[in-house]
Amino acid sequence: MTDPTEAIRRQQVVEINSDPTGREALECKHGKVWNTSELQEDFEVVGFLAPYVIARRKSDGQQGSLMFQGSPRFYFSFQPE
């Protein structure tokens, strides 16, 4: 089975990680940003396909996706389904 999103996701991984951004810059661009421990407090991760994770927000059960960068590891841009 082929993944029709693989080429796009691979390019996004390269773009995100070619110039890793600090937390403040990510917050200016995307709003709320989480490090790994903060993400675990607010979400249950149910799957991932880099540079995305699928997660369920603990406060209300809303499922959606977040993007992430590799290093420093930050999650951002929560998009509810």
N, C-alpha and C. Protein backbone atom coordinates (compact mmCIF):
# COMPACT_ATOMS: atom_id res chain seq x y z
N MET A 1 0.85 -1.18 0.00
CA MET A 1 0.00 0.00 0.00
C MET A 1 0.90 1.24 0.00
N THR A 2 0.66 2.15 -0.90
CA THR A 2 1.45 3.38 -0.96
C THR A 2 0.72 4.51 -0.27
N ASP A 3 1.49 5.40 0.28
CA ASP A 3 0.95 6.56 0.99
C ASP A 3 1.03 7.76 0.06
N PRO A 4 -0.10 8.28 -0.40
CA PRO A 4 -0.07 9.41 -1.33
C PRO A 4 0.47 10.70 -0.70
N THR A 5 0.57 10.76 0.62
CA THR A 5 1.08 11.96 1.28
C THR A 5 2.57 11.89 1.59
N GLU A 6 3.20 10.76 1.33
CA GLU A 6 4.59 10.57 1.75
C GLU A 6 5.55 11.61 1.17
N ALA A 7 5.49 11.86 -0.11
CA ALA A 7 6.42 12.83 -0.73
C ALA A 7 6.22 14.22 -0.14
N ILE A 8 4.99 14.62 0.06
CA ILE A 8 4.69 15.94 0.62
C ILE A 8 5.20 16.02 2.06
N ARG A 9 4.92 14.98 2.84
CA ARG A 9 5.38 14.98 4.23
C ARG A 9 6.90 14.98 4.33
N ARG A 10 7.56 14.23 3.49
CA ARG A 10 9.03 14.21 3.52
C ARG A 10 9.59 15.61 3.23
N GLN A 11 9.00 16.31 2.28
CA GLN A 11 9.44 17.67 1.96
C GLN A 11 9.19 18.60 3.14
N GLN A 12 8.03 18.45 3.79
CA GLN A 12 7.74 19.28 4.96
C GLN A 12 8.73 19.02 6.10
N VAL A 13 9.11 17.77 6.31
CA VAL A 13 10.10 17.44 7.34
C VAL A 13 11.41 18.15 7.05
N VAL A 14 11.84 18.10 5.79
CA VAL A 14 13.09 18.78 5.41
C VAL A 14 12.98 20.28 5.66
N GLU A 15 11.86 20.88 5.25
CA GLU A 15 11.68 22.33 5.42
C GLU A 15 11.65 22.72 6.90
N ILE A 16 10.90 22.00 7.70
CA ILE A 16 10.77 22.33 9.12
C ILE A 16 12.11 22.19 9.84
N ASN A 17 12.84 21.12 9.53
CA ASN A 17 14.06 20.82 10.26
C ASN A 17 15.31 21.45 9.66
N SER A 18 15.20 22.07 8.48
CA SER A 18 16.37 22.72 7.89
C SER A 18 16.74 24.00 8.63
N ASP A 19 15.77 24.63 9.25
CA ASP A 19 16.00 25.84 10.02
C ASP A 19 15.13 25.78 11.26
N PRO A 20 15.51 24.92 12.24
CA PRO A 20 14.68 24.77 13.42
C PRO A 20 14.44 26.10 14.13
N THR A 21 13.22 26.29 14.53
CA THR A 21 12.80 27.55 15.10
C THR A 21 12.63 27.42 16.61
N GLY A 22 12.97 28.47 17.34
CA GLY A 22 12.76 28.49 18.78
C GLY A 22 11.29 28.66 19.11
N ARG A 23 10.99 28.45 20.35
CA ARG A 23 9.61 28.49 20.82
C ARG A 23 8.93 29.83 20.53
N GLU A 24 9.61 30.93 20.82
CA GLU A 24 8.99 32.25 20.64
C GLU A 24 8.60 32.49 19.19
N ALA A 25 9.48 32.14 18.26
CA ALA A 25 9.17 32.32 16.84
C ALA A 25 8.01 31.43 16.41
N LEU A 26 7.99 30.20 16.91
CA LEU A 26 6.87 29.31 16.57
C LEU A 26 5.55 29.85 17.13
N GLU A 27 5.59 30.39 18.35
CA GLU A 27 4.38 30.95 18.94
C GLU A 27 3.87 32.14 18.14
N CYS A 28 4.76 32.97 17.64
CA CYS A 28 4.35 34.11 16.81
C CYS A 28 3.69 33.64 15.52
N LYS A 29 4.20 32.57 14.98
CA LYS A 29 3.71 32.08 13.69
C LYS A 29 2.49 31.17 13.82
N HIS A 30 2.45 30.32 14.87
CA HIS A 30 1.43 29.27 14.96
C HIS A 30 0.55 29.34 16.20
N GLY A 31 0.82 30.24 17.13
CA GLY A 31 0.04 30.28 18.37
C GLY A 31 0.64 29.34 19.41
N LYS A 32 -0.22 28.61 20.11
CA LYS A 32 0.21 27.73 21.21
C LYS A 32 1.24 26.71 20.72
N VAL A 33 2.29 26.53 21.54
CA VAL A 33 3.37 25.58 21.26
C VAL A 33 3.57 24.71 22.49
N TRP A 34 3.85 23.43 22.29
CA TRP A 34 4.06 22.48 23.38
C TRP A 34 5.41 21.82 23.23
N ASN A 35 6.13 21.62 24.35
CA ASN A 35 7.28 20.70 24.33
C ASN A 35 6.70 19.31 24.61
N THR A 36 7.55 18.31 24.68
CA THR A 36 7.04 16.94 24.80
C THR A 36 6.26 16.72 26.09
N SER A 37 6.77 17.18 27.23
CA SER A 37 6.05 16.95 28.49
C SER A 37 4.74 17.74 28.52
N GLU A 38 4.72 18.94 27.98
CA GLU A 38 3.48 19.72 27.92
C GLU A 38 2.46 19.05 27.01
N LEU A 39 2.93 18.50 25.90
CA LEU A 39 2.03 17.79 24.99
C LEU A 39 1.40 16.60 25.71
N GLN A 40 2.19 15.85 26.47
CA GLN A 40 1.67 14.70 27.20
C GLN A 40 0.66 15.09 28.26
N GLU A 41 0.78 16.29 28.81
CA GLU A 41 -0.19 16.76 29.80
C GLU A 41 -1.53 17.09 29.14
N ASP A 42 -1.48 17.68 27.95
CA ASP A 42 -2.70 18.19 27.30
C ASP A 42 -3.32 17.23 26.29
N PHE A 43 -2.54 16.29 25.75
CA PHE A 43 -3.01 15.42 24.68
C PHE A 43 -2.63 13.97 24.91
N GLU A 44 -3.40 13.10 24.30
CA GLU A 44 -3.03 11.69 24.16
C GLU A 44 -2.69 11.49 22.69
N VAL A 45 -1.46 11.15 22.40
CA VAL A 45 -1.04 10.93 21.01
C VAL A 45 -1.52 9.56 20.58
N VAL A 46 -2.23 9.50 19.45
CA VAL A 46 -2.78 8.24 18.97
C VAL A 46 -2.09 7.75 17.70
N GLY A 47 -1.23 8.57 17.10
CA GLY A 47 -0.49 8.14 15.92
C GLY A 47 0.37 9.27 15.39
N PHE A 48 1.28 8.90 14.49
CA PHE A 48 2.08 9.96 13.88
C PHE A 48 2.58 9.53 12.51
N LEU A 49 2.71 10.50 11.66
CA LEU A 49 3.36 10.42 10.35
C LEU A 49 4.09 11.74 10.21
N ALA A 50 5.39 11.71 10.47
CA ALA A 50 6.18 12.94 10.49
C ALA A 50 5.89 13.79 9.25
N PRO A 51 5.71 15.07 9.44
CA PRO A 51 5.87 15.89 10.63
C PRO A 51 4.57 16.13 11.40
N TYR A 52 3.66 15.16 11.40
CA TYR A 52 2.37 15.31 12.07
C TYR A 52 2.19 14.27 13.15
N VAL A 53 1.45 14.64 14.19
CA VAL A 53 0.94 13.67 15.15
C VAL A 53 -0.57 13.83 15.19
N ILE A 54 -1.24 12.72 15.36
CA ILE A 54 -2.68 12.73 15.59
C ILE A 54 -2.85 12.58 17.09
N ALA A 55 -3.64 13.47 17.68
CA ALA A 55 -3.76 13.49 19.13
C ALA A 55 -5.20 13.81 19.54
N ARG A 56 -5.54 13.35 20.74
CA ARG A 56 -6.84 13.64 21.33
C ARG A 56 -6.59 14.58 22.51
N ARG A 57 -7.23 15.74 22.47
CA ARG A 57 -7.08 16.72 23.56
C ARG A 57 -7.80 16.18 24.79
N LYS A 58 -7.09 16.13 25.89
CA LYS A 58 -7.63 15.55 27.12
C LYS A 58 -8.76 16.37 27.71
N SER A 59 -8.74 17.67 27.56
CA SER A 59 -9.75 18.53 28.19
C SER A 59 -11.16 18.29 27.65
N ASP A 60 -11.27 17.96 26.37
CA ASP A 60 -12.61 17.81 25.79
C ASP A 60 -12.76 16.63 24.82
N GLY A 61 -11.69 15.83 24.66
CA GLY A 61 -11.76 14.68 23.78
C GLY A 61 -11.66 15.00 22.30
N GLN A 62 -11.45 16.26 21.95
CA GLN A 62 -11.35 16.67 20.54
C GLN A 62 -10.11 16.05 19.91
N GLN A 63 -10.29 15.34 18.81
CA GLN A 63 -9.16 14.78 18.09
C GLN A 63 -8.74 15.73 16.98
N GLY A 64 -7.44 15.74 16.70
CA GLY A 64 -6.92 16.60 15.65
C GLY A 64 -5.47 16.28 15.38
N SER A 65 -4.81 17.16 14.66
CA SER A 65 -3.40 16.94 14.32
C SER A 65 -2.57 18.14 14.77
N LEU A 66 -1.32 17.87 15.04
CA LEU A 66 -0.32 18.90 15.32
C LEU A 66 0.89 18.61 14.45
N MET A 67 1.63 19.66 14.11
CA MET A 67 2.90 19.50 13.43
C MET A 67 3.99 19.49 14.50
N PHE A 68 5.17 18.96 14.14
CA PHE A 68 6.30 19.03 15.05
C PHE A 68 7.60 19.18 14.29
N GLN A 69 8.57 19.79 14.98
CA GLN A 69 9.93 19.86 14.46
C GLN A 69 10.80 18.96 15.33
N GLY A 70 11.91 18.51 14.75
CA GLY A 70 12.74 17.51 15.41
C GLY A 70 13.56 18.02 16.58
N SER A 71 14.30 19.11 16.40
CA SER A 71 15.19 19.57 17.45
C SER A 71 15.40 21.06 17.33
N PRO A 72 15.03 21.84 18.33
CA PRO A 72 14.38 21.38 19.54
C PRO A 72 12.97 20.88 19.24
N ARG A 73 12.55 19.84 19.96
CA ARG A 73 11.26 19.21 19.69
C ARG A 73 10.15 20.09 20.25
N PHE A 74 9.35 20.63 19.33
CA PHE A 74 8.17 21.41 19.68
C PHE A 74 7.02 20.96 18.79
N TYR A 75 5.83 20.97 19.37
CA TYR A 75 4.59 20.64 18.66
C TYR A 75 3.78 21.92 18.54
N PHE A 76 3.10 22.09 17.42
CA PHE A 76 2.39 23.35 17.19
C PHE A 76 1.30 23.16 16.15
N SER A 77 0.49 24.18 16.02
CA SER A 77 -0.55 24.26 14.98
C SER A 77 -1.60 23.16 15.12
N PHE A 78 -2.22 23.06 16.31
CA PHE A 78 -3.28 22.08 16.50
C PHE A 78 -4.44 22.39 15.57
N GLN A 79 -4.85 21.40 14.81
CA GLN A 79 -5.98 21.52 13.88
C GLN A 79 -7.02 20.46 14.24
N PRO A 80 -8.15 20.87 14.85
CA PRO A 80 -9.19 19.89 15.17
C PRO A 80 -9.73 19.24 13.89
N GLU A 81 -10.17 18.00 14.03
CA GLU A 81 -10.79 17.32 12.88
C GLU A 81 -12.19 17.82 12.68
